Amino acid sequence: AALLLEKMITKSGEKIFASNGKKADFHTIVKRCEDAGGSIATPRNPGENKAIQHFVKTFNTYTYLGIKESPIPGKFQFLDGTQLVYTNWYRNEPSGKGEEECVEMYTD
């Protein structure tokens, strides 16, 4: 059972990140996180980014992040409207083509 939980829970600093590995649309994920008393993952430093990346690699799929395009095209912010202070994106990503209501993290 401990090995199973290791795939589903990881910690970075004071934050605990969890995933059941199941796919769902962005709005469903946000609601499930809130219903569980948490929030969708928002990487604010390299350690948190690595914790989220753990799930992307473990489940070999993308994951949604709590980041969206701001009212200023090409600029991004957290869902609560606060400005990003940390990013670890590939060049030209997110592309900002059209209004992006969410940002995703993929495997390399």
PDB file of N, CA and C in Angstrom:
ATOM      1  N   ALA A   1       0.826  -1.194   0.000  1.00  0.00           N
ATOM      2  CA  ALA A   1       0.000   0.000   0.000  1.00  0.00           C
ATOM      3  C   ALA A   1       0.868   1.255   0.000  1.00  0.00           C
ATOM      4  N   ALA A   2       1.993   1.220   0.705  1.00  0.00           N
ATOM      5  CA  ALA A   2       2.875   2.390   0.763  1.00  0.00           C
ATOM      6  C   ALA A   2       3.419   2.737  -0.618  1.00  0.00           C
ATOM      7  N   LEU A   3       3.761   1.714  -1.404  1.00  0.00           N
ATOM      8  CA  LEU A   3       4.266   1.968  -2.754  1.00  0.00           C
ATOM      9  C   LEU A   3       3.198   2.619  -3.621  1.00  0.00           C
ATOM     10  N   LEU A   4       1.971   2.176  -3.472  1.00  0.00           N
ATOM     11  CA  LEU A   4       0.871   2.747  -4.240  1.00  0.00           C
ATOM     12  C   LEU A   4       0.700   4.221  -3.887  1.00  0.00           C
ATOM     13  N   LEU A   5       0.740   4.538  -2.602  1.00  0.00           N
ATOM     14  CA  LEU A   5       0.597   5.929  -2.176  1.00  0.00           C
ATOM     15  C   LEU A   5       1.755   6.785  -2.655  1.00  0.00           C
ATOM     16  N   GLU A   6       2.948   6.205  -2.743  1.00  0.00           N
ATOM     17  CA  GLU A   6       4.115   6.948  -3.203  1.00  0.00           C
ATOM     18  C   GLU A   6       3.890   7.500  -4.607  1.00  0.00           C
ATOM     19  N   LYS A   7       3.181   6.763  -5.436  1.00  0.00           N
ATOM     20  CA  LYS A   7       2.878   7.229  -6.789  1.00  0.00           C
ATOM     21  C   LYS A   7       1.819   8.320  -6.784  1.00  0.00           C
ATOM     22  N   MET A   8       1.006   8.386  -5.728  1.00  0.00           N
ATOM     23  CA  MET A   8      -0.140   9.278  -5.704  1.00  0.00           C
ATOM     24  C   MET A   8       0.063  10.538  -4.864  1.00  0.00           C
ATOM     25  N   ILE A   9       1.076  10.550  -3.991  1.00  0.00           N
ATOM     26  CA  ILE A   9       1.306  11.682  -3.097  1.00  0.00           C
ATOM     27  C   ILE A   9       2.788  12.032  -3.100  1.00  0.00           C
ATOM     28  N   THR A  10       3.095  13.313  -3.166  1.00  0.00           N
ATOM     29  CA  THR A  10       4.477  13.777  -3.030  1.00  0.00           C
ATOM     30  C   THR A  10       4.449  15.133  -2.337  1.00  0.00           C
ATOM     31  N   LYS A  11       5.555  15.506  -1.718  1.00  0.00           N
ATOM     32  CA  LYS A  11       5.616  16.729  -0.925  1.00  0.00           C
ATOM     33  C   LYS A  11       6.730  17.632  -1.429  1.00  0.00           C
ATOM     34  N   SER A  12       6.501  18.927  -1.329  1.00  0.00           N
ATOM     35  CA  SER A  12       7.534  19.924  -1.611  1.00  0.00           C
ATOM     36  C   SER A  12       7.356  21.046  -0.607  1.00  0.00           C
ATOM     37  N   GLY A  13       8.345  21.249   0.239  1.00  0.00           N
ATOM     38  CA  GLY A  13       8.215  22.260   1.290  1.00  0.00           C
ATOM     39  C   GLY A  13       7.044  21.925   2.185  1.00  0.00           C
ATOM     40  N   GLU A  14       6.154  22.871   2.360  1.00  0.00           N
ATOM     41  CA  GLU A  14       4.974  22.663   3.201  1.00  0.00           C
ATOM     42  C   GLU A  14       3.759  22.188   2.409  1.00  0.00           C
ATOM     43  N   LYS A  15       3.904  22.035   1.100  1.00  0.00           N
ATOM     44  CA  LYS A  15       2.779  21.616   0.259  1.00  0.00           C
ATOM     45  C   LYS A  15       2.807  20.118   0.003  1.00  0.00           C
ATOM     46  N   ILE A  16       1.622  19.537  -0.037  1.00  0.00           N
ATOM     47  CA  ILE A  16       1.461  18.135  -0.412  1.00  0.00           C
ATOM     48  C   ILE A  16       0.702  18.115  -1.736  1.00  0.00           C
ATOM     49  N   PHE A  17       1.243  17.381  -2.692  1.00  0.00           N
ATOM     50  CA  PHE A  17       0.618  17.237  -4.005  1.00  0.00           C
ATOM     51  C   PHE A  17       0.087  15.817  -4.117  1.00  0.00           C
ATOM     52  N   ALA A  18      -1.124  15.678  -4.656  1.00  0.00           N
ATOM     53  CA  ALA A  18      -1.732  14.357  -4.791  1.00  0.00           C
ATOM     54  C   ALA A  18      -2.431  14.242  -6.139  1.00  0.00           C
ATOM     55  N   SER A  19      -2.475  13.019  -6.658  1.00  0.00           N
ATOM     56  CA  SER A  19      -3.180  12.748  -7.910  1.00  0.00           C
ATOM     57  C   SER A  19      -3.664  11.310  -7.906  1.00  0.00           C
ATOM     58  N   ASN A  20      -4.828  11.092  -8.494  1.00  0.00           N
ATOM     59  CA  ASN A  20      -5.295   9.715  -8.664  1.00  0.00           C
ATOM     60  C   ASN A  20      -4.959   9.205 -10.063  1.00  0.00           C
ATOM     61  N   GLY A  21      -4.351  10.057 -10.885  1.00  0.00           N
ATOM     62  CA  GLY A  21      -3.937   9.652 -12.225  1.00  0.00           C
ATOM     63  C   GLY A  21      -5.054   9.575 -13.243  1.00  0.00           C
ATOM     64  N   LYS A  22      -6.276   9.896 -12.832  1.00  0.00           N
ATOM     65  CA  LYS A  22      -7.415   9.816 -13.751  1.00  0.00           C
ATOM     66  C   LYS A  22      -7.539  11.099 -14.554  1.00  0.00           C
ATOM     67  N   LYS A  23      -7.940  10.952 -15.811  1.00  0.00           N
ATOM     68  CA  LYS A  23      -8.114  12.111 -16.682  1.00  0.00           C
ATOM     69  C   LYS A  23      -9.500  12.712 -16.488  1.00  0.00           C
ATOM     70  N   ALA A  24      -9.557  14.028 -16.569  1.00  0.00           N
ATOM     71  CA  ALA A  24     -10.816  14.763 -16.506  1.00  0.00           C
ATOM     72  C   ALA A  24     -10.567  16.124 -17.144  1.00  0.00           C
ATOM     73  N   ASP A  25     -11.650  16.843 -17.451  1.00  0.00           N
ATOM     74  CA  ASP A  25     -11.462  18.168 -18.032  1.00  0.00           C
ATOM     75  C   ASP A  25     -11.034  19.159 -16.947  1.00  0.00           C
ATOM     76  N   PHE A  26     -10.548  20.297 -17.378  1.00  0.00           N
ATOM     77  CA  PHE A  26      -9.986  21.299 -16.481  1.00  0.00           C
ATOM     78  C   PHE A  26     -10.951  21.692 -15.366  1.00  0.00           C
ATOM     79  N   HIS A  27     -12.190  22.027 -15.704  1.00  0.00           N
ATOM     80  CA  HIS A  27     -13.149  22.495 -14.698  1.00  0.00           C
ATOM     81  C   HIS A  27     -13.474  21.409 -13.677  1.00  0.00           C
ATOM     82  N   THR A  28     -13.544  20.159 -14.115  1.00  0.00           N
ATOM     83  CA  THR A  28     -13.788  19.043 -13.195  1.00  0.00           C
ATOM     84  C   THR A  28     -12.625  18.899 -12.223  1.00  0.00           C
ATOM     85  N   ILE A  29     -11.393  19.017 -12.723  1.00  0.00           N
ATOM     86  CA  ILE A  29     -10.211  18.911 -11.863  1.00  0.00           C
ATOM     87  C   ILE A  29     -10.217  20.015 -10.804  1.00  0.00           C
ATOM     88  N   VAL A  30     -10.495  21.245 -11.221  1.00  0.00           N
ATOM     89  CA  VAL A  30     -10.535  22.365 -10.274  1.00  0.00           C
ATOM     90  C   VAL A  30     -11.561  22.082  -9.185  1.00  0.00           C
ATOM     91  N   LYS A  31     -12.756  21.616  -9.570  1.00  0.00           N
ATOM     92  CA  LYS A  31     -13.817  21.331  -8.591  1.00  0.00           C
ATOM     93  C   LYS A  31     -13.430  20.190  -7.663  1.00  0.00           C
ATOM     94  N   ARG A  32     -12.858  19.117  -8.200  1.00  0.00           N
ATOM     95  CA  ARG A  32     -12.455  17.983  -7.355  1.00  0.00           C
ATOM     96  C   ARG A  32     -11.410  18.407  -6.330  1.00  0.00           C
ATOM     97  N   CYS A  33     -10.474  19.234  -6.746  1.00  0.00           N
ATOM     98  CA  CYS A  33      -9.451  19.729  -5.816  1.00  0.00           C
ATOM     99  C   CYS A  33     -10.095  20.558  -4.705  1.00  0.00           C
ATOM    100  N   GLU A  34     -11.011  21.454  -5.079  1.00  0.00           N
ATOM    101  CA  GLU A  34     -11.699  22.285  -4.088  1.00  0.00           C
ATOM    102  C   GLU A  34     -12.547  21.434  -3.156  1.00  0.00           C
ATOM    103  N   ASP A  35     -13.258  20.434  -3.704  1.00  0.00           N
ATOM    104  CA  ASP A  35     -14.088  19.545  -2.886  1.00  0.00           C
ATOM    105  C   ASP A  35     -13.254  18.772  -1.868  1.00  0.00           C
ATOM    106  N   ALA A  36     -11.990  18.512  -2.208  1.00  0.00           N
ATOM    107  CA  ALA A  36     -11.092  17.780  -1.306  1.00  0.00           C
ATOM    108  C   ALA A  36     -10.388  18.719  -0.321  1.00  0.00           C
ATOM    109  N   GLY A  37     -10.716  20.014  -0.386  1.00  0.00           N
ATOM    110  CA  GLY A  37     -10.116  20.977   0.530  1.00  0.00           C
ATOM    111  C   GLY A  37      -8.785  21.532   0.054  1.00  0.00           C
ATOM    112  N   GLY A  38      -8.480  21.328  -1.216  1.00  0.00           N
ATOM    113  CA  GLY A  38      -7.213  21.812  -1.765  1.00  0.00           C
ATOM    114  C   GLY A  38      -7.441  22.708  -2.954  1.00  0.00           C
ATOM    115  N   SER A  39      -6.441  22.792  -3.795  1.00  0.00           N
ATOM    116  CA  SER A  39      -6.549  23.575  -5.023  1.00  0.00           C
ATOM    117  C   SER A  39      -5.704  22.917  -6.099  1.00  0.00           C
ATOM    118  N   ILE A  40      -5.987  23.256  -7.338  1.00  0.00           N
ATOM    119  CA  ILE A  40      -5.229  22.712  -8.458  1.00  0.00           C
ATOM    120  C   ILE A  40      -3.766  23.149  -8.319  1.00  0.00           C
ATOM    121  N   ALA A  41      -2.857  22.322  -8.769  1.00  0.00           N
ATOM    122  CA  ALA A  41      -1.424  22.577  -8.606  1.00  0.00           C
ATOM    123  C   ALA A  41      -0.986  23.877  -9.268  1.00  0.00           C
ATOM    124  N   THR A  42      -0.196  24.650  -8.528  1.00  0.00           N
ATOM    125  CA  THR A  42       0.355  25.907  -9.025  1.00  0.00           C
ATOM    126  C   THR A  42       1.831  25.966  -8.641  1.00  0.00           C
ATOM    127  N   PRO A  43       2.727  25.590  -9.550  1.00  0.00           N
ATOM    128  CA  PRO A  43       4.152  25.592  -9.210  1.00  0.00           C
ATOM    129  C   PRO A  43       4.677  27.010  -8.994  1.00  0.00           C
ATOM    130  N   ARG A  44       5.210  27.254  -7.798  1.00  0.00           N
ATOM    131  CA  ARG A  44       5.710  28.585  -7.459  1.00  0.00           C
ATOM    132  C   ARG A  44       7.222  28.616  -7.264  1.00  0.00           C
ATOM    133  N   ASN A  45       7.863  27.438  -7.438  1.00  0.00           N
ATOM    134  CA  ASN A  45       9.319  27.361  -7.327  1.00  0.00           C
ATOM    135  C   ASN A  45       9.782  26.044  -7.952  1.00  0.00           C
ATOM    136  N   PRO A  46      11.088  25.851  -8.142  1.00  0.00           N
ATOM    137  CA  PRO A  46      11.577  24.617  -8.781  1.00  0.00           C
ATOM    138  C   PRO A  46      11.179  23.336  -8.049  1.00  0.00           C
ATOM    139  N   GLY A  47      11.140  23.345  -6.723  1.00  0.00           N
ATOM    140  CA  GLY A  47      10.752  22.153  -5.970  1.00  0.00           C
ATOM    141  C   GLY A  47       9.315  21.749  -6.232  1.00  0.00           C
ATOM    142  N   GLU A  48       8.426  22.721  -6.256  1.00  0.00           N
ATOM    143  CA  GLU A  48       7.019  22.435  -6.532  1.00  0.00           C
ATOM    144  C   GLU A  48       6.838  21.991  -7.974  1.00  0.00           C
ATOM    145  N   ASN A  49       7.589  22.585  -8.883  1.00  0.00           N
ATOM    146  CA  ASN A  49       7.537  22.173 -10.286  1.00  0.00           C
ATOM    147  C   ASN A  49       7.951  20.704 -10.407  1.00  0.00           C
ATOM    148  N   LYS A  50       8.998  20.322  -9.693  1.00  0.00           N
ATOM    149  CA  LYS A  50       9.483  18.936  -9.720  1.00  0.00           C
ATOM    150  C   LYS A  50       8.439  17.982  -9.133  1.00  0.00           C
ATOM    151  N   ALA A  51       7.761  18.403  -8.072  1.00  0.00           N
ATOM    152  CA  ALA A  51       6.725  17.568  -7.458  1.00  0.00           C
ATOM    153  C   ALA A  51       5.588  17.309  -8.443  1.00  0.00           C
ATOM    154  N   ILE A  52       5.179  18.327  -9.168  1.00  0.00           N
ATOM    155  CA  ILE A  52       4.112  18.170 -10.162  1.00  0.00           C
ATOM    156  C   ILE A  52       4.598  17.310 -11.321  1.00  0.00           C
ATOM    157  N   GLN A  53       5.830  17.527 -11.727  1.00  0.00           N
ATOM    158  CA  GLN A  53       6.431  16.747 -12.813  1.00  0.00           C
ATOM    159  C   GLN A  53       6.465  15.257 -12.465  1.00  0.00           C
ATOM    160  N   HIS A  54       6.579  14.934 -11.180  1.00  0.00           N
ATOM    161  CA  HIS A  54       6.552  13.543 -10.714  1.00  0.00           C
ATOM    162  C   HIS A  54       5.294  12.837 -11.225  1.00  0.00           C
ATOM    163  N   PHE A  55       4.146  13.511 -11.142  1.00  0.00           N
ATOM    164  CA  PHE A  55       2.890  12.897 -11.590  1.00  0.00           C
ATOM    165  C   PHE A  55       2.824  12.785 -13.104  1.00  0.00           C
ATOM    166  N   VAL A  56       3.329  13.795 -13.784  1.00  0.00           N
ATOM    167  CA  VAL A  56       3.339  13.764 -15.250  1.00  0.00           C
ATOM    168  C   VAL A  56       4.123  12.545 -15.725  1.00  0.00           C
ATOM    169  N   LYS A  57       5.269  12.313 -15.104  1.00  0.00           N
ATOM    170  CA  LYS A  57       6.105  11.173 -15.495  1.00  0.00           C
ATOM    171  C   LYS A  57       5.529   9.848 -15.003  1.00  0.00           C
ATOM    172  N   THR A  58       5.029   9.806 -13.766  1.00  0.00           N
ATOM    173  CA  THR A  58       4.474   8.568 -13.203  1.00  0.00           C
ATOM    174  C   THR A  58       3.294   8.059 -14.016  1.00  0.00           C
ATOM    175  N   PHE A  59       2.382   8.959 -14.369  1.00  0.00           N
ATOM    176  CA  PHE A  59       1.175   8.567 -15.091  1.00  0.00           C
ATOM    177  C   PHE A  59       1.328   8.725 -16.601  1.00  0.00           C
ATOM    178  N   ASN A  60       2.497   9.191 -17.057  1.00  0.00           N
ATOM    179  CA  ASN A  60       2.816   9.345 -18.478  1.00  0.00           C
ATOM    180  C   ASN A  60       1.721  10.108 -19.221  1.00  0.00           C
ATOM    181  N   THR A  61       1.354  11.244 -18.668  1.00  0.00           N
ATOM    182  CA  THR A  61       0.322  12.078 -19.266  1.00  0.00           C
ATOM    183  C   THR A  61       0.549  13.529 -18.866  1.00  0.00           C
ATOM    184  N   TYR A  62      -0.214  14.431 -19.426  1.00  0.00           N
ATOM    185  CA  TYR A  62      -0.115  15.838 -19.043  1.00  0.00           C
ATOM    186  C   TYR A  62      -0.908  16.083 -17.769  1.00  0.00           C
ATOM    187  N   THR A  63      -0.694  17.240 -17.164  1.00  0.00           N
ATOM    188  CA  THR A  63      -1.505  17.655 -16.032  1.00  0.00           C
ATOM    189  C   THR A  63      -1.857  19.126 -16.190  1.00  0.00           C
ATOM    190  N   TYR A  64      -3.023  19.490 -15.706  1.00  0.00           N
ATOM    191  CA  TYR A  64      -3.424  20.891 -15.725  1.00  0.00           C
ATOM    192  C   TYR A  64      -2.766  21.623 -14.565  1.00  0.00           C
ATOM    193  N   LEU A  65      -2.491  22.906 -14.774  1.00  0.00           N
ATOM    194  CA  LEU A  65      -1.955  23.771 -13.730  1.00  0.00           C
ATOM    195  C   LEU A  65      -2.944  24.902 -13.476  1.00  0.00           C
ATOM    196  N   GLY A  66      -2.902  25.467 -12.300  1.00  0.00           N
ATOM    197  CA  GLY A  66      -3.790  26.569 -11.945  1.00  0.00           C
ATOM    198  C   GLY A  66      -3.285  27.899 -12.468  1.00  0.00           C
ATOM    199  N   ILE A  67      -3.024  27.942 -13.762  1.00  0.00           N
ATOM    200  CA  ILE A  67      -2.503  29.135 -14.434  1.00  0.00           C
ATOM    201  C   ILE A  67      -3.350  29.386 -15.678  1.00  0.00           C
ATOM    202  N   LYS A  68      -3.633  30.653 -15.951  1.00  0.00           N
ATOM    203  CA  LYS A  68      -4.416  31.009 -17.140  1.00  0.00           C
ATOM    204  C   LYS A  68      -3.844  32.276 -17.760  1.00  0.00           C
ATOM    205  N   GLU A  69      -4.282  32.565 -18.973  1.00  0.00           N
ATOM    206  CA  GLU A  69      -3.864  33.800 -19.627  1.00  0.00           C
ATOM    207  C   GLU A  69      -4.556  34.976 -18.948  1.00  0.00           C
ATOM    208  N   SER A  70      -3.818  36.051 -18.731  1.00  0.00           N
ATOM    209  CA  SER A  70      -4.392  37.243 -18.104  1.00  0.00           C
ATOM    210  C   SER A  70      -5.164  38.044 -19.155  1.00  0.00           C
ATOM    211  N   PRO A  71      -5.845  39.104 -18.735  1.00  0.00           N
ATOM    212  CA  PRO A  71      -6.535  39.949 -19.720  1.00  0.00           C
ATOM    213  C   PRO A  71      -5.573  40.564 -20.747  1.00  0.00           C
ATOM    214  N   ILE A  72      -4.278  40.619 -20.402  1.00  0.00           N
ATOM    215  CA  ILE A  72      -3.266  41.115 -21.341  1.00  0.00           C
ATOM    216  C   ILE A  72      -2.780  39.924 -22.154  1.00  0.00           C
ATOM    217  N   PRO A  73      -3.076  39.860 -23.448  1.00  0.00           N
ATOM    218  CA  PRO A  73      -2.686  38.707 -24.267  1.00  0.00           C
ATOM    219  C   PRO A  73      -1.193  38.389 -24.149  1.00  0.00           C
ATOM    220  N   GLY A  74      -0.898  37.102 -23.997  1.00  0.00           N
ATOM    221  CA  GLY A  74       0.482  36.649 -23.898  1.00  0.00           C
ATOM    222  C   GLY A  74       1.048  36.678 -22.494  1.00  0.00           C
ATOM    223  N   LYS A  75       0.320  37.255 -21.538  1.00  0.00           N
ATOM    224  CA  LYS A  75       0.740  37.283 -20.130  1.00  0.00           C
ATOM    225  C   LYS A  75      -0.108  36.278 -19.364  1.00  0.00           C
ATOM    226  N   PHE A  76       0.492  35.628 -18.377  1.00  0.00           N
ATOM    227  CA  PHE A  76      -0.212  34.584 -17.636  1.00  0.00           C
ATOM    228  C   PHE A  76      -0.209  34.880 -16.149  1.00  0.00           C
ATOM    229  N   GLN A  77      -1.218  34.335 -15.460  1.00  0.00           N
ATOM    230  CA  GLN A  77      -1.387  34.562 -14.027  1.00  0.00           C
ATOM    231  C   GLN A  77      -1.995  33.321 -13.387  1.00  0.00           C
ATOM    232  N   PHE A  78      -1.959  33.275 -12.047  1.00  0.00           N
ATOM    233  CA  PHE A  78      -2.626  32.194 -11.336  1.00  0.00           C
ATOM    234  C   PHE A  78      -4.135  32.403 -11.436  1.00  0.00           C
ATOM    235  N   LEU A  79      -4.902  31.358 -11.188  1.00  0.00           N
ATOM    236  CA  LEU A  79      -6.361  31.447 -11.313  1.00  0.00           C
ATOM    237  C   LEU A  79      -6.949  32.522 -10.422  1.00  0.00           C
ATOM    238  N   ASP A  80      -6.302  32.805  -9.277  1.00  0.00           N
ATOM    239  CA  ASP A  80      -6.815  33.840  -8.375  1.00  0.00           C
ATOM    240  C   ASP A  80      -6.421  35.251  -8.810  1.00  0.00           C
ATOM    241  N   GLY A  81      -5.729  35.353  -9.953  1.00  0.00           N
ATOM    242  CA  GLY A  81      -5.366  36.657 -10.494  1.00  0.00           C
ATOM    243  C   GLY A  81      -3.987  37.160 -10.094  1.00  0.00           C
ATOM    244  N   THR A  82      -3.299  36.460  -9.184  1.00  0.00           N
ATOM    245  CA  THR A  82      -1.968  36.913  -8.789  1.00  0.00           C
ATOM    246  C   THR A  82      -0.952  36.624  -9.888  1.00  0.00           C
ATOM    247  N   GLN A  83       0.077  37.454  -9.919  1.00  0.00           N
ATOM    248  CA  GLN A  83       1.101  37.381 -10.953  1.00  0.00           C
ATOM    249  C   GLN A  83       2.036  36.192 -10.721  1.00  0.00           C
ATOM    250  N   LEU A  84       2.490  35.591 -11.805  1.00  0.00           N
ATOM    251  CA  LEU A  84       3.463  34.502 -11.715  1.00  0.00           C
ATOM    252  C   LEU A  84       4.816  35.065 -11.307  1.00  0.00           C
ATOM    253  N   VAL A  85       5.482  34.371 -10.385  1.00  0.00           N
ATOM    254  CA  VAL A  85       6.833  34.772  -9.999  1.00  0.00           C
ATOM    255  C   VAL A  85       7.849  33.718 -10.416  1.00  0.00           C
ATOM    256  N   TYR A  86       7.362  32.561 -10.849  1.00  0.00           N
ATOM    257  CA  TYR A  86       8.234  31.466 -11.278  1.00  0.00           C
ATOM    258  C   TYR A  86       7.606  30.798 -12.487  1.00  0.00           C
ATOM    259  N   THR A  87       8.403  30.555 -13.509  1.00  0.00           N
ATOM    260  CA  THR A  87       7.963  29.749 -14.647  1.00  0.00           C
ATOM    261  C   THR A  87       9.119  28.866 -15.081  1.00  0.00           C
ATOM    262  N   ASN A  88       8.785  27.759 -15.698  1.00  0.00           N
ATOM    263  CA  ASN A  88       9.786  26.838 -16.229  1.00  0.00           C
ATOM    264  C   ASN A  88       9.228  26.287 -17.535  1.00  0.00           C
ATOM    265  N   TRP A  89       9.045  27.164 -18.509  1.00  0.00           N
ATOM    266  CA  TRP A  89       8.391  26.806 -19.751  1.00  0.00           C
ATOM    267  C   TRP A  89       9.388  26.688 -20.885  1.00  0.00           C
ATOM    268  N   TYR A  90       9.029  25.852 -21.852  1.00  0.00           N
ATOM    269  CA  TYR A  90       9.802  25.808 -23.090  1.00  0.00           C
ATOM    270  C   TYR A  90       9.666  27.155 -23.785  1.00  0.00           C
ATOM    271  N   ARG A  91      10.632  27.475 -24.630  1.00  0.00           N
ATOM    272  CA  ARG A  91      10.577  28.721 -25.381  1.00  0.00           C
ATOM    273  C   ARG A  91       9.268  28.761 -26.180  1.00  0.00           C
ATOM    274  N   ASN A  92       8.658  29.927 -26.209  1.00  0.00           N
ATOM    275  CA  ASN A  92       7.401  30.176 -26.930  1.00  0.00           C
ATOM    276  C   ASN A  92       6.203  29.429 -26.345  1.00  0.00           C
ATOM    277  N   GLU A  93       6.306  28.963 -25.119  1.00  0.00           N
ATOM    278  CA  GLU A  93       5.175  28.313 -24.452  1.00  0.00           C
ATOM    279  C   GLU A  93       4.914  29.003 -23.119  1.00  0.00           C
ATOM    280  N   PRO A  94       3.681  29.061 -22.668  1.00  0.00           N
ATOM    281  CA  PRO A  94       2.478  28.799 -23.442  1.00  0.00           C
ATOM    282  C   PRO A  94       2.410  29.761 -24.622  1.00  0.00           C
ATOM    283  N   SER A  95       1.787  29.316 -25.671  1.00  0.00           N
ATOM    284  CA  SER A  95       1.801  30.083 -26.911  1.00  0.00           C
ATOM    285  C   SER A  95       0.934  31.330 -26.845  1.00  0.00           C
ATOM    286  N   GLY A  96      -0.121  31.296 -26.016  1.00  0.00           N
ATOM    287  CA  GLY A  96      -1.001  32.453 -25.926  1.00  0.00           C
ATOM    288  C   GLY A  96      -1.818  32.674 -27.179  1.00  0.00           C
ATOM    289  N   LYS A  97      -1.975  31.625 -27.983  1.00  0.00           N
ATOM    290  CA  LYS A  97      -2.789  31.733 -29.201  1.00  0.00           C
ATOM    291  C   LYS A  97      -4.246  31.578 -28.806  1.00  0.00           C
ATOM    292  N   GLY A  98      -4.968  32.667 -28.838  1.00  0.00           N
ATOM    293  CA  GLY A  98      -6.336  32.642 -28.349  1.00  0.00           C
ATOM    294  C   GLY A  98      -6.285  32.733 -26.837  1.00  0.00           C
ATOM    295  N   GLU A  99      -7.426  32.849 -26.193  1.00  0.00           N
ATOM    296  CA  GLU A  99      -7.437  32.936 -24.737  1.00  0.00           C
ATOM    297  C   GLU A  99      -7.255  31.550 -24.149  1.00  0.00           C
ATOM    298  N   GLU A 100      -6.169  31.348 -23.429  1.00  0.00           N
ATOM    299  CA  GLU A 100      -5.904  30.049 -22.815  1.00  0.00           C
ATOM    300  C   GLU A 100      -6.451  30.079 -21.396  1.00  0.00           C
ATOM    301  N   GLU A 101      -7.505  29.275 -21.147  1.00  0.00           N
ATOM    302  CA  GLU A 101      -8.109  29.300 -19.822  1.00  0.00           C
ATOM    303  C   GLU A 101      -7.334  28.444 -18.832  1.00  0.00           C
ATOM    304  N   CYS A 102      -6.365  27.675 -19.331  1.00  0.00           N
ATOM    305  CA  CYS A 102      -5.533  26.890 -18.432  1.00  0.00           C
ATOM    306  C   CYS A 102      -4.198  26.595 -19.108  1.00  0.00           C
ATOM    307  N   VAL A 103      -3.248  26.167 -18.300  1.00  0.00           N
ATOM    308  CA  VAL A 103      -1.920  25.792 -18.781  1.00  0.00           C
ATOM    309  C   VAL A 103      -1.705  24.338 -18.404  1.00  0.00           C
ATOM    310  N   GLU A 104      -1.026  23.590 -19.262  1.00  0.00           N
ATOM    311  CA  GLU A 104      -0.764  22.171 -19.016  1.00  0.00           C
ATOM    312  C   GLU A 104       0.732  21.919 -18.947  1.00  0.00           C
ATOM    313  N   MET A 105       1.125  20.910 -18.163  1.00  0.00           N
ATOM    314  CA  MET A 105       2.508  20.452 -18.112  1.00  0.00           C
ATOM    315  C   MET A 105       2.560  19.090 -18.781  1.00  0.00           C
ATOM    316  N   TYR A 106       3.532  18.921 -19.673  1.00  0.00           N
ATOM    317  CA  TYR A 106       3.710  17.663 -20.405  1.00  0.00           C
ATOM    318  C   TYR A 106       5.039  17.024 -20.044  1.00  0.00           C
ATOM    319  N   THR A 107       5.190  15.751 -20.403  1.00  0.00           N
ATOM    320  CA  THR A 107       6.484  15.094 -20.272  1.00  0.00           C
ATOM    321  C   THR A 107       7.417  15.682 -21.315  1.00  0.00           C
ATOM    322  N   ASP A 108       8.707  15.522 -21.121  1.00  0.00           N
ATOM    323  CA  ASP A 108       9.695  16.045 -22.089  1.00  0.00           C
ATOM    324  C   ASP A 108       9.575  15.343 -23.410  1.00  0.00           C
TER     325      ASP A 108
END
